[in-house]
Amino acid sequence: MPKATTYRRPLRPDLLSDDLLSELGRRARPRQSEIIACLGQKARSDSGNAFVAVVVAAAKYRQFAALYENAPTRSFLRSRLTALRKAVGTARKILGSGDGSLLAALSLSGLPEEEARRLDFGFGSKLEAMLSLVESAADEALALPWLSGPASSQKAWAEGPKTALAIHCARIFERYRPGKVTRTESKSGGFPAFVRLVYEVATGEIGATLDRPIRDAIAAIRDDRDVKPPENPLIGDQLEEFRRHLRKL
């Protein structure tokens, strides 16, 4: 892809829809001067990129919020893993029983001949090896301490959408005003005002209470976690997004 010689628009995540970006862009446009004022002098010389970064942050929040709403609780995830382990164990037992008529029926219905014979011989089956891998992975997942106990009714996520948005805002703010991600308000707004502004762009809601997400984002800067990477994995990549949160529980 050729590089522009002057203004270079940031690449938008592939799975953020044009309709969503257009909607949020229209909502953000009347607030552009406030956005740039919050981000300071450095953003004034890079206003196009700063504006797009805010719209993308708002769009990611919207997608994350929808994904979070449908996310399972920890106890439900445990029940699914338990059911999977049981089902895989049953499948392994049946396939390893040496039932030639069963294997013949499967081979007539699409199971590769080579795989049917390996199952019949009881040696070298790729299917059996994969089932064994899944069963082992389910066992290890069930051993994770956060799947049970007092937090079992909570979502299986490391942070909620508002905290994720505040952390994303911290990345943007740190880029344009390094070292200024604090709770201090200023005439130009400061970091807390910036988070509230991006949240308003995302939701249309004014006056939301965001004190805790803002505090968590400031702690992330202080602890040098989550903020230094330029971006999270694309929110549209649900598998990687779930993995990211599960690693942090």
C-alpha atoms as a PDB file:
ATOM      1  CA  MET A   1       0.000   0.000   0.000  1.00  0.00           C
ATOM      2  CA  PRO A   2       1.626   3.319  -1.026  1.00  0.00           C
ATOM      3  CA  LYS A   3       2.422   5.797   1.725  1.00  0.00           C
ATOM      4  CA  ALA A   4       0.948   9.289   1.564  1.00  0.00           C
ATOM      5  CA  THR A   5       3.434  12.113   1.603  1.00  0.00           C
ATOM      6  CA  THR A   6       1.342  14.425   3.802  1.00  0.00           C
ATOM      7  CA  TYR A   7      -1.741  13.447   5.799  1.00  0.00           C
ATOM      8  CA  ARG A   8      -2.033   9.718   6.385  1.00  0.00           C
ATOM      9  CA  ARG A   9      -5.347   8.488   7.723  1.00  0.00           C
ATOM     10  CA  PRO A  10      -5.032   5.676  10.291  1.00  0.00           C
ATOM     11  CA  LEU A  11      -6.143   2.272   9.090  1.00  0.00           C
ATOM     12  CA  ARG A  12      -9.580   1.509  10.459  1.00  0.00           C
ATOM     13  CA  PRO A  13     -10.246  -1.953  11.898  1.00  0.00           C
ATOM     14  CA  ASP A  14     -11.720  -4.140   9.166  1.00  0.00           C
ATOM     15  CA  LEU A  15     -14.746  -5.161  11.195  1.00  0.00           C
ATOM     16  CA  LEU A  16     -15.903  -1.686  12.210  1.00  0.00           C
ATOM     17  CA  SER A  17     -18.794  -1.032   9.847  1.00  0.00           C
ATOM     18  CA  ASP A  18     -18.907   2.034   7.647  1.00  0.00           C
ATOM     19  CA  ASP A  19     -22.411   2.788   8.955  1.00  0.00           C
ATOM     20  CA  LEU A  20     -21.215   2.807  12.557  1.00  0.00           C
ATOM     21  CA  LEU A  21     -18.169   4.944  11.771  1.00  0.00           C
ATOM     22  CA  SER A  22     -20.333   7.381   9.791  1.00  0.00           C
ATOM     23  CA  GLU A  23     -22.867   7.654  12.614  1.00  0.00           C
ATOM     24  CA  LEU A  24     -20.181   8.350  15.205  1.00  0.00           C
ATOM     25  CA  GLY A  25     -18.289  10.684  12.884  1.00  0.00           C
ATOM     26  CA  ARG A  26     -21.424  12.822  12.490  1.00  0.00           C
ATOM     27  CA  ARG A  27     -21.914  12.865  16.264  1.00  0.00           C
ATOM     28  CA  ALA A  28     -18.269  13.745  16.913  1.00  0.00           C
ATOM     29  CA  ARG A  29     -17.925  16.472  14.284  1.00  0.00           C
ATOM     30  CA  PRO A  30     -19.632  19.247  16.319  1.00  0.00           C
ATOM     31  CA  ARG A  31     -17.375  18.350  19.257  1.00  0.00           C
ATOM     32  CA  GLN A  32     -14.135  18.305  17.263  1.00  0.00           C
ATOM     33  CA  SER A  33     -12.817  21.546  18.742  1.00  0.00           C
ATOM     34  CA  GLU A  34     -13.399  20.187  22.276  1.00  0.00           C
ATOM     35  CA  ILE A  35     -11.672  16.918  21.362  1.00  0.00           C
ATOM     36  CA  ILE A  36      -8.601  18.704  20.025  1.00  0.00           C
ATOM     37  CA  ALA A  37      -8.548  21.122  22.983  1.00  0.00           C
ATOM     38  CA  CYS A  38      -8.482  18.168  25.395  1.00  0.00           C
ATOM     39  CA  LEU A  39      -5.611  16.562  23.490  1.00  0.00           C
ATOM     40  CA  GLY A  40      -3.576  19.798  23.380  1.00  0.00           C
ATOM     41  CA  GLN A  41      -1.098  21.458  21.040  1.00  0.00           C
ATOM     42  CA  LYS A  42       0.328  18.280  19.538  1.00  0.00           C
ATOM     43  CA  ALA A  43      -3.143  17.237  18.393  1.00  0.00           C
ATOM     44  CA  ARG A  44      -3.734  20.602  16.702  1.00  0.00           C
ATOM     45  CA  SER A  45      -0.996  19.787  14.208  1.00  0.00           C
ATOM     46  CA  ASP A  46      -2.404  16.289  13.723  1.00  0.00           C
ATOM     47  CA  SER A  47      -6.125  17.012  14.046  1.00  0.00           C
ATOM     48  CA  GLY A  48      -7.273  14.599  11.320  1.00  0.00           C
ATOM     49  CA  ASN A  49      -5.605  11.586  12.890  1.00  0.00           C
ATOM     50  CA  ALA A  50      -6.670  12.638  16.388  1.00  0.00           C
ATOM     51  CA  PHE A  51     -10.299  12.947  15.297  1.00  0.00           C
ATOM     52  CA  VAL A  52     -10.280   9.556  13.555  1.00  0.00           C
ATOM     53  CA  ALA A  53      -8.680   7.959  16.643  1.00  0.00           C
ATOM     54  CA  VAL A  54     -11.568   9.218  18.776  1.00  0.00           C
ATOM     55  CA  VAL A  55     -14.210   7.950  16.349  1.00  0.00           C
ATOM     56  CA  VAL A  56     -12.524   4.530  16.193  1.00  0.00           C
ATOM     57  CA  ALA A  57     -12.308   4.387  20.019  1.00  0.00           C
ATOM     58  CA  ALA A  58     -16.022   5.168  20.243  1.00  0.00           C
ATOM     59  CA  ALA A  59     -16.840   2.523  17.616  1.00  0.00           C
ATOM     60  CA  LYS A  60     -14.750  -0.102  19.420  1.00  0.00           C
ATOM     61  CA  TYR A  61     -16.619   0.689  22.608  1.00  0.00           C
ATOM     62  CA  ARG A  62     -19.947   0.105  20.869  1.00  0.00           C
ATOM     63  CA  GLN A  63     -18.843  -3.264  19.508  1.00  0.00           C
ATOM     64  CA  PHE A  64     -17.212  -4.270  22.789  1.00  0.00           C
ATOM     65  CA  ALA A  65     -20.365  -3.352  24.739  1.00  0.00           C
ATOM     66  CA  ALA A  66     -22.473  -5.593  22.487  1.00  0.00           C
ATOM     67  CA  LEU A  67     -19.978  -8.458  22.827  1.00  0.00           C
ATOM     68  CA  TYR A  68     -19.813  -8.020  26.603  1.00  0.00           C
ATOM     69  CA  GLU A  69     -23.610  -8.054  26.910  1.00  0.00           C
ATOM     70  CA  ASN A  70     -23.706 -11.558  25.399  1.00  0.00           C
ATOM     71  CA  ALA A  71     -20.616 -12.882  27.201  1.00  0.00           C
ATOM     72  CA  PRO A  72     -21.128 -15.871  29.533  1.00  0.00           C
ATOM     73  CA  THR A  73     -20.732 -15.817  33.284  1.00  0.00           C
ATOM     74  CA  ARG A  74     -17.814 -17.771  34.693  1.00  0.00           C
ATOM     75  CA  SER A  75     -20.112 -20.483  36.084  1.00  0.00           C
ATOM     76  CA  PHE A  76     -21.839 -20.895  32.715  1.00  0.00           C
ATOM     77  CA  LEU A  77     -18.470 -21.175  30.987  1.00  0.00           C
ATOM     78  CA  ARG A  78     -17.506 -23.860  33.524  1.00  0.00           C
ATOM     79  CA  SER A  79     -20.702 -25.806  32.798  1.00  0.00           C
ATOM     80  CA  ARG A  80     -19.983 -25.657  29.062  1.00  0.00           C
ATOM     81  CA  LEU A  81     -16.432 -26.897  29.563  1.00  0.00           C
ATOM     82  CA  THR A  82     -17.715 -29.738  31.760  1.00  0.00           C
ATOM     83  CA  ALA A  83     -20.279 -30.752  29.125  1.00  0.00           C
ATOM     84  CA  LEU A  84     -17.609 -30.600  26.405  1.00  0.00           C
ATOM     85  CA  ARG A  85     -15.190 -32.772  28.381  1.00  0.00           C
ATOM     86  CA  LYS A  86     -17.910 -35.357  28.970  1.00  0.00           C
ATOM     87  CA  ALA A  87     -18.994 -35.365  25.313  1.00  0.00           C
ATOM     88  CA  VAL A  88     -15.423 -35.685  24.033  1.00  0.00           C
ATOM     89  CA  GLY A  89     -14.697 -38.503  26.486  1.00  0.00           C
ATOM     90  CA  THR A  90     -17.793 -40.346  25.287  1.00  0.00           C
ATOM     91  CA  ALA A  91     -16.806 -39.869  21.644  1.00  0.00           C
ATOM     92  CA  ARG A  92     -13.301 -41.185  22.318  1.00  0.00           C
ATOM     93  CA  LYS A  93     -14.703 -44.243  24.093  1.00  0.00           C
ATOM     94  CA  ILE A  94     -17.094 -45.067  21.244  1.00  0.00           C
ATOM     95  CA  LEU A  95     -14.537 -44.524  18.484  1.00  0.00           C
ATOM     96  CA  GLY A  96     -11.953 -46.578  20.375  1.00  0.00           C
ATOM     97  CA  SER A  97     -14.303 -49.510  20.953  1.00  0.00           C
ATOM     98  CA  GLY A  98     -13.235 -51.289  17.749  1.00  0.00           C
ATOM     99  CA  ASP A  99     -16.821 -51.408  16.449  1.00  0.00           C
ATOM    100  CA  GLY A 100     -16.185 -52.256  12.786  1.00  0.00           C
ATOM    101  CA  SER A 101     -19.792 -51.756  11.714  1.00  0.00           C
ATOM    102  CA  LEU A 102     -19.821 -48.256  13.249  1.00  0.00           C
ATOM    103  CA  LEU A 103     -16.586 -47.334  11.473  1.00  0.00           C
ATOM    104  CA  ALA A 104     -17.888 -48.796   8.200  1.00  0.00           C
ATOM    105  CA  ALA A 105     -21.034 -46.670   8.475  1.00  0.00           C
ATOM    106  CA  LEU A 106     -18.957 -43.569   9.178  1.00  0.00           C
ATOM    107  CA  SER A 107     -16.627 -44.276   6.253  1.00  0.00           C
ATOM    108  CA  LEU A 108     -19.635 -44.603   3.930  1.00  0.00           C
ATOM    109  CA  SER A 109     -20.862 -41.224   5.168  1.00  0.00           C
ATOM    110  CA  GLY A 110     -17.707 -39.169   4.720  1.00  0.00           C
ATOM    111  CA  LEU A 111     -15.072 -40.363   7.199  1.00  0.00           C
ATOM    112  CA  PRO A 112     -11.848 -40.822   5.186  1.00  0.00           C
ATOM    113  CA  GLU A 113     -10.959 -44.469   4.563  1.00  0.00           C
ATOM    114  CA  GLU A 114      -7.472 -44.029   6.005  1.00  0.00           C
ATOM    115  CA  GLU A 115      -8.873 -42.576   9.229  1.00  0.00           C
ATOM    116  CA  ALA A 116     -11.474 -45.359   9.548  1.00  0.00           C
ATOM    117  CA  ARG A 117      -8.732 -48.012   9.269  1.00  0.00           C
ATOM    118  CA  ARG A 118      -6.536 -46.233  11.815  1.00  0.00           C
ATOM    119  CA  LEU A 119      -9.442 -46.189  14.266  1.00  0.00           C
ATOM    120  CA  ASP A 120     -10.104 -49.867  13.507  1.00  0.00           C
ATOM    121  CA  PHE A 121      -6.454 -50.723  14.184  1.00  0.00           C
ATOM    122  CA  GLY A 122      -6.466 -48.569  17.333  1.00  0.00           C
ATOM    123  CA  PHE A 123      -3.313 -46.707  16.313  1.00  0.00           C
ATOM    124  CA  GLY A 124      -2.395 -43.425  14.611  1.00  0.00           C
ATOM    125  CA  SER A 125      -5.854 -41.847  14.396  1.00  0.00           C
ATOM    126  CA  LYS A 126      -5.711 -38.081  13.876  1.00  0.00           C
ATOM    127  CA  LEU A 127      -9.321 -37.789  15.024  1.00  0.00           C
ATOM    128  CA  GLU A 128      -8.633 -39.596  18.275  1.00  0.00           C
ATOM    129  CA  ALA A 129      -5.531 -37.474  18.848  1.00  0.00           C
ATOM    130  CA  MET A 130      -7.567 -34.290  18.335  1.00  0.00           C
ATOM    131  CA  LEU A 131     -10.281 -35.474  20.716  1.00  0.00           C
ATOM    132  CA  SER A 132      -7.598 -36.274  23.281  1.00  0.00           C
ATOM    133  CA  LEU A 133      -6.175 -32.760  22.864  1.00  0.00           C
ATOM    134  CA  VAL A 134      -9.601 -31.167  23.352  1.00  0.00           C
ATOM    135  CA  GLU A 135     -10.288 -33.302  26.428  1.00  0.00           C
ATOM    136  CA  SER A 136      -6.931 -32.355  27.944  1.00  0.00           C
ATOM    137  CA  ALA A 137      -7.484 -28.657  27.182  1.00  0.00           C
ATOM    138  CA  ALA A 138     -10.934 -28.799  28.806  1.00  0.00           C
ATOM    139  CA  ASP A 139      -9.402 -30.431  31.908  1.00  0.00           C
ATOM    140  CA  GLU A 140      -6.784 -27.680  32.171  1.00  0.00           C
ATOM    141  CA  ALA A 141      -9.373 -24.943  31.626  1.00  0.00           C
ATOM    142  CA  LEU A 142     -11.591 -26.395  34.356  1.00  0.00           C
ATOM    143  CA  ALA A 143      -8.644 -26.205  36.755  1.00  0.00           C
ATOM    144  CA  LEU A 144      -8.487 -22.397  36.386  1.00  0.00           C
ATOM    145  CA  PRO A 145      -9.337 -20.913  39.810  1.00  0.00           C
ATOM    146  CA  TRP A 146     -11.521 -18.034  38.566  1.00  0.00           C
ATOM    147  CA  LEU A 147     -14.157 -20.384  37.080  1.00  0.00           C
ATOM    148  CA  SER A 148     -15.593 -21.119  40.520  1.00  0.00           C
ATOM    149  CA  GLY A 149     -15.899 -19.459  43.896  1.00  0.00           C
ATOM    150  CA  PRO A 150     -17.355 -16.067  44.865  1.00  0.00           C
ATOM    151  CA  ALA A 151     -16.772 -14.539  41.403  1.00  0.00           C
ATOM    152  CA  SER A 152     -18.482 -17.347  39.478  1.00  0.00           C
ATOM    153  CA  SER A 153     -21.559 -15.238  38.750  1.00  0.00           C
ATOM    154  CA  GLN A 154     -19.461 -12.502  37.132  1.00  0.00           C
ATOM    155  CA  LYS A 155     -18.748 -12.198  33.430  1.00  0.00           C
ATOM    156  CA  ALA A 156     -15.642 -14.008  32.202  1.00  0.00           C
ATOM    157  CA  TRP A 157     -13.955 -10.724  31.281  1.00  0.00           C
ATOM    158  CA  ALA A 158     -11.056  -8.872  32.819  1.00  0.00           C
ATOM    159  CA  GLU A 159     -12.695  -5.481  32.414  1.00  0.00           C
ATOM    160  CA  GLY A 160     -16.018  -4.019  31.394  1.00  0.00           C
ATOM    161  CA  PRO A 161     -16.661  -1.875  28.317  1.00  0.00           C
ATOM    162  CA  LYS A 162     -16.312   1.451  30.134  1.00  0.00           C
ATOM    163  CA  THR A 163     -12.934   0.491  31.585  1.00  0.00           C
ATOM    164  CA  ALA A 164     -11.771  -0.764  28.174  1.00  0.00           C
ATOM    165  CA  LEU A 165     -12.850   2.557  26.646  1.00  0.00           C
ATOM    166  CA  ALA A 166     -11.012   4.558  29.321  1.00  0.00           C
ATOM    167  CA  ILE A 167      -7.847   2.517  28.715  1.00  0.00           C
ATOM    168  CA  HIS A 168      -8.166   3.083  24.948  1.00  0.00           C
ATOM    169  CA  CYS A 169      -8.619   6.809  25.660  1.00  0.00           C
ATOM    170  CA  ALA A 170      -5.495   6.696  27.836  1.00  0.00           C
ATOM    171  CA  ARG A 171      -3.502   5.383  24.870  1.00  0.00           C
ATOM    172  CA  ILE A 172      -4.712   8.237  22.704  1.00  0.00           C
ATOM    173  CA  PHE A 173      -4.147  10.824  25.428  1.00  0.00           C
ATOM    174  CA  GLU A 174      -0.673   9.496  26.196  1.00  0.00           C
ATOM    175  CA  ARG A 175       0.218   9.809  22.509  1.00  0.00           C
ATOM    176  CA  TYR A 176      -0.652  13.511  22.377  1.00  0.00           C
ATOM    177  CA  ARG A 177      -0.027  14.556  25.993  1.00  0.00           C
ATOM    178  CA  PRO A 178       2.534  12.113  27.403  1.00  0.00           C
ATOM    179  CA  GLY A 179       2.643  11.910  31.161  1.00  0.00           C
ATOM    180  CA  LYS A 180      -0.639  13.818  31.564  1.00  0.00           C
ATOM    181  CA  VAL A 181      -3.018  10.901  32.104  1.00  0.00           C
ATOM    182  CA  THR A 182      -4.142  12.009  35.574  1.00  0.00           C
ATOM    183  CA  ARG A 183      -7.406  12.861  37.317  1.00  0.00           C
ATOM    184  CA  THR A 184      -6.551  16.544  37.186  1.00  0.00           C
ATOM    185  CA  GLU A 185      -9.077  18.706  35.366  1.00  0.00           C
ATOM    186  CA  SER A 186      -7.863  21.760  33.474  1.00  0.00           C
ATOM    187  CA  LYS A 187      -9.296  24.620  31.425  1.00  0.00           C
ATOM    188  CA  SER A 188      -8.855  22.496  28.314  1.00  0.00           C
ATOM    189  CA  GLY A 189     -10.559  19.565  30.034  1.00  0.00           C
ATOM    190  CA  GLY A 190      -7.798  17.097  30.891  1.00  0.00           C
ATOM    191  CA  PHE A 191      -7.983  13.310  30.715  1.00  0.00           C
ATOM    192  CA  PRO A 192     -11.271  12.790  32.646  1.00  0.00           C
ATOM    193  CA  ALA A 193     -13.070  15.256  30.381  1.00  0.00           C
ATOM    194  CA  PHE A 194     -11.606  13.520  27.328  1.00  0.00           C
ATOM    195  CA  VAL A 195     -12.934  10.118  28.439  1.00  0.00           C
ATOM    196  CA  ARG A 196     -16.392  11.576  29.070  1.00  0.00           C
ATOM    197  CA  LEU A 197     -16.333  13.260  25.679  1.00  0.00           C
ATOM    198  CA  VAL A 198     -15.434  10.041  23.841  1.00  0.00           C
ATOM    199  CA  TYR A 199     -18.128   8.203  25.805  1.00  0.00           C
ATOM    200  CA  GLU A 200     -20.683  10.819  24.725  1.00  0.00           C
ATOM    201  CA  VAL A 201     -19.624  10.314  21.107  1.00  0.00           C
ATOM    202  CA  ALA A 202     -20.043   6.545  21.513  1.00  0.00           C
ATOM    203  CA  THR A 203     -23.411   6.553  23.257  1.00  0.00           C
ATOM    204  CA  GLY A 204     -25.009   9.978  23.030  1.00  0.00           C
ATOM    205  CA  GLU A 205     -25.303   9.838  26.827  1.00  0.00           C
ATOM    206  CA  ILE A 206     -24.357  13.008  28.709  1.00  0.00           C
ATOM    207  CA  GLY A 207     -23.228  13.142  32.330  1.00  0.00           C
ATOM    208  CA  ALA A 208     -22.326   9.463  32.730  1.00  0.00           C
ATOM    209  CA  THR A 209     -20.453   8.415  35.882  1.00  0.00           C
ATOM    210  CA  LEU A 210     -17.060   7.216  34.702  1.00  0.00           C
ATOM    211  CA  ASP A 211     -14.942   7.797  37.817  1.00  0.00           C
ATOM    212  CA  ARG A 212     -14.018   4.145  38.326  1.00  0.00           C
ATOM    213  CA  PRO A 213     -13.082   3.418  34.667  1.00  0.00           C
ATOM    214  CA  ILE A 214     -10.989   6.605  34.641  1.00  0.00           C
ATOM    215  CA  ARG A 215      -9.256   5.545  37.858  1.00  0.00           C
ATOM    216  CA  ASP A 216      -8.550   2.078  36.388  1.00  0.00           C
ATOM    217  CA  ALA A 217      -7.105   3.588  33.211  1.00  0.00           C
ATOM    218  CA  ILE A 218      -4.802   5.840  35.252  1.00  0.00           C
ATOM    219  CA  ALA A 219      -3.678   2.790  37.234  1.00  0.00           C
ATOM    220  CA  ALA A 220      -2.952   1.008  33.939  1.00  0.00           C
ATOM    221  CA  ILE A 221      -0.658   3.873  32.914  1.00  0.00           C
ATOM    222  CA  ARG A 222       1.012   3.816  36.308  1.00  0.00           C
ATOM    223  CA  ASP A 223       1.488   0.046  36.264  1.00  0.00           C
ATOM    224  CA  ASP A 224       2.659   0.115  32.623  1.00  0.00           C
ATOM    225  CA  ARG A 225       0.039  -2.434  31.573  1.00  0.00           C
ATOM    226  CA  ASP A 226      -2.447  -2.403  28.708  1.00  0.00           C
ATOM    227  CA  VAL A 227      -1.494   1.101  27.646  1.00  0.00           C
ATOM    228  CA  LYS A 228       1.889   0.816  25.997  1.00  0.00           C
ATOM    229  CA  PRO A 229       0.780  -1.488  23.137  1.00  0.00           C
ATOM    230  CA  PRO A 230      -0.532   0.828  20.390  1.00  0.00           C
ATOM    231  CA  GLU A 231      -3.750  -1.133  19.978  1.00  0.00           C
ATOM    232  CA  ASN A 232      -5.690  -4.050  21.402  1.00  0.00           C
ATOM    233  CA  PRO A 233      -6.480  -6.880  19.008  1.00  0.00           C
ATOM    234  CA  LEU A 234      -9.358  -5.915  16.734  1.00  0.00           C
ATOM    235  CA  ILE A 235     -12.601  -6.071  18.644  1.00  0.00           C
ATOM    236  CA  GLY A 236     -14.081  -7.907  15.665  1.00  0.00           C
ATOM    237  CA  ASP A 237     -11.681 -10.798  16.291  1.00  0.00           C
ATOM    238  CA  GLN A 238     -13.853 -12.306  19.019  1.00  0.00           C
ATOM    239  CA  LEU A 239     -11.620 -15.304  19.680  1.00  0.00           C
ATOM    240  CA  GLU A 240      -8.567 -13.147  20.388  1.00  0.00           C
ATOM    241  CA  GLU A 241     -10.657 -10.681  22.380  1.00  0.00           C
ATOM    242  CA  PHE A 242     -11.937 -13.467  24.648  1.00  0.00           C
ATOM    243  CA  ARG A 243      -8.398 -14.860  25.020  1.00  0.00           C
ATOM    244  CA  ARG A 244      -7.064 -11.429  25.998  1.00  0.00           C
ATOM    245  CA  HIS A 245      -9.560 -11.126  28.831  1.00  0.00           C
ATOM    246  CA  LEU A 246      -9.250 -14.700  30.069  1.00  0.00           C
ATOM    247  CA  ARG A 247      -5.448 -14.344  30.329  1.00  0.00           C
ATOM    248  CA  LYS A 248      -5.907 -11.386  32.690  1.00  0.00           C
ATOM    249  CA  LEU A 249      -8.448 -12.939  35.086  1.00  0.00           C
END
